[in-house]
Amino acid sequence: SFADTDVIAFVSTTDDDPTGSPTFSAFKQFKASDFSGRAFKFKGELRSTADNVTPAVDQLTARVRYD
């Protein structure tokens, strides 16, 4: 954890059948939010403002709850 690095989380959703050929939305940045859909894709972008720092992630988890 350093002040000059960050991980930005993104989500993409679809209401289509994920076992077919679903069309997903564009990725949207989020911190903590409610999303609805039938399937989701997640990605993280690593950013650094320091020239000599390369951020790395060894594990990334998304928790999805069905209500």
Protein backbone atom coordinates (compact mmCIF):
# COMPACT_ATOMS: atom_id res chain seq x y z
CA SER A 1 0.00 0.00 0.00
CA PHE A 2 1.66 3.18 -1.25
CA ALA A 3 0.32 6.70 -1.80
CA ASP A 4 1.52 6.74 -5.42
CA THR A 5 -0.27 3.54 -6.56
CA ASP A 6 -3.91 2.59 -6.95
CA VAL A 7 -6.17 -0.20 -8.22
CA ILE A 8 -9.25 0.98 -10.12
CA ALA A 9 -12.18 -1.51 -10.28
CA PHE A 10 -14.52 -1.82 -13.27
CA VAL A 11 -17.66 -3.89 -13.99
CA SER A 12 -19.49 -4.84 -17.18
CA THR A 13 -23.00 -6.36 -17.14
CA THR A 14 -25.39 -8.21 -19.41
CA ASP A 15 -29.00 -9.37 -19.19
CA ASP A 16 -28.35 -11.90 -21.98
CA ASP A 17 -27.89 -15.63 -21.45
CA PRO A 18 -24.19 -15.98 -20.53
CA THR A 19 -24.00 -19.47 -22.09
CA GLY A 20 -24.92 -18.03 -25.50
CA SER A 21 -23.37 -14.98 -27.13
CA PRO A 22 -24.07 -12.24 -24.58
CA THR A 23 -23.58 -8.57 -25.32
CA PHE A 24 -21.95 -6.85 -22.35
CA SER A 25 -22.12 -3.17 -21.46
CA ALA A 26 -19.05 -0.98 -21.54
CA PHE A 27 -16.91 -1.25 -18.41
CA LYS A 28 -17.92 1.23 -15.69
CA GLN A 29 -15.68 2.29 -12.83
CA PHE A 30 -17.00 1.56 -9.35
CA LYS A 31 -15.99 1.38 -5.69
CA ALA A 32 -19.02 -0.21 -4.03
CA SER A 33 -22.32 -0.27 -5.87
CA ASP A 34 -25.45 -2.22 -6.71
CA PHE A 35 -25.61 -3.70 -10.21
CA SER A 36 -28.26 -5.86 -11.80
CA GLY A 37 -27.76 -8.32 -14.61
CA ARG A 38 -27.57 -11.96 -15.54
CA ALA A 39 -23.77 -12.06 -15.88
CA PHE A 40 -20.88 -9.80 -14.92
CA LYS A 41 -17.28 -9.20 -15.97
CA PHE A 42 -14.81 -7.47 -13.68
CA LYS A 43 -11.39 -5.95 -14.29
CA GLY A 44 -8.88 -3.97 -12.32
CA GLU A 45 -6.49 -1.34 -13.66
CA LEU A 46 -3.25 -0.67 -11.83
CA ARG A 47 -2.03 2.92 -11.78
CA SER A 48 1.10 4.59 -10.50
CA THR A 49 2.17 8.22 -10.44
CA ALA A 50 5.78 7.31 -9.69
CA ASP A 51 8.21 6.61 -12.55
CA ASN A 52 10.09 3.92 -10.62
CA VAL A 53 7.06 1.99 -9.26
CA THR A 54 5.25 -0.85 -11.01
CA PRO A 55 2.16 -1.96 -9.06
CA ALA A 56 1.31 -5.67 -8.99
CA VAL A 57 -1.68 -7.71 -7.82
CA ASP A 58 -1.39 -11.34 -6.75
CA GLN A 59 -5.10 -11.84 -5.96
CA LEU A 60 -8.31 -10.03 -6.90
CA THR A 61 -11.74 -11.10 -5.64
CA ALA A 62 -15.24 -9.97 -6.59
CA ARG A 63 -18.08 -10.87 -4.23
CA VAL A 64 -21.52 -11.08 -5.80
CA ARG A 65 -24.67 -11.44 -3.73
CA TYR A 66 -28.03 -12.50 -5.14
CA ASP A 67 -31.12 -10.89 -3.59
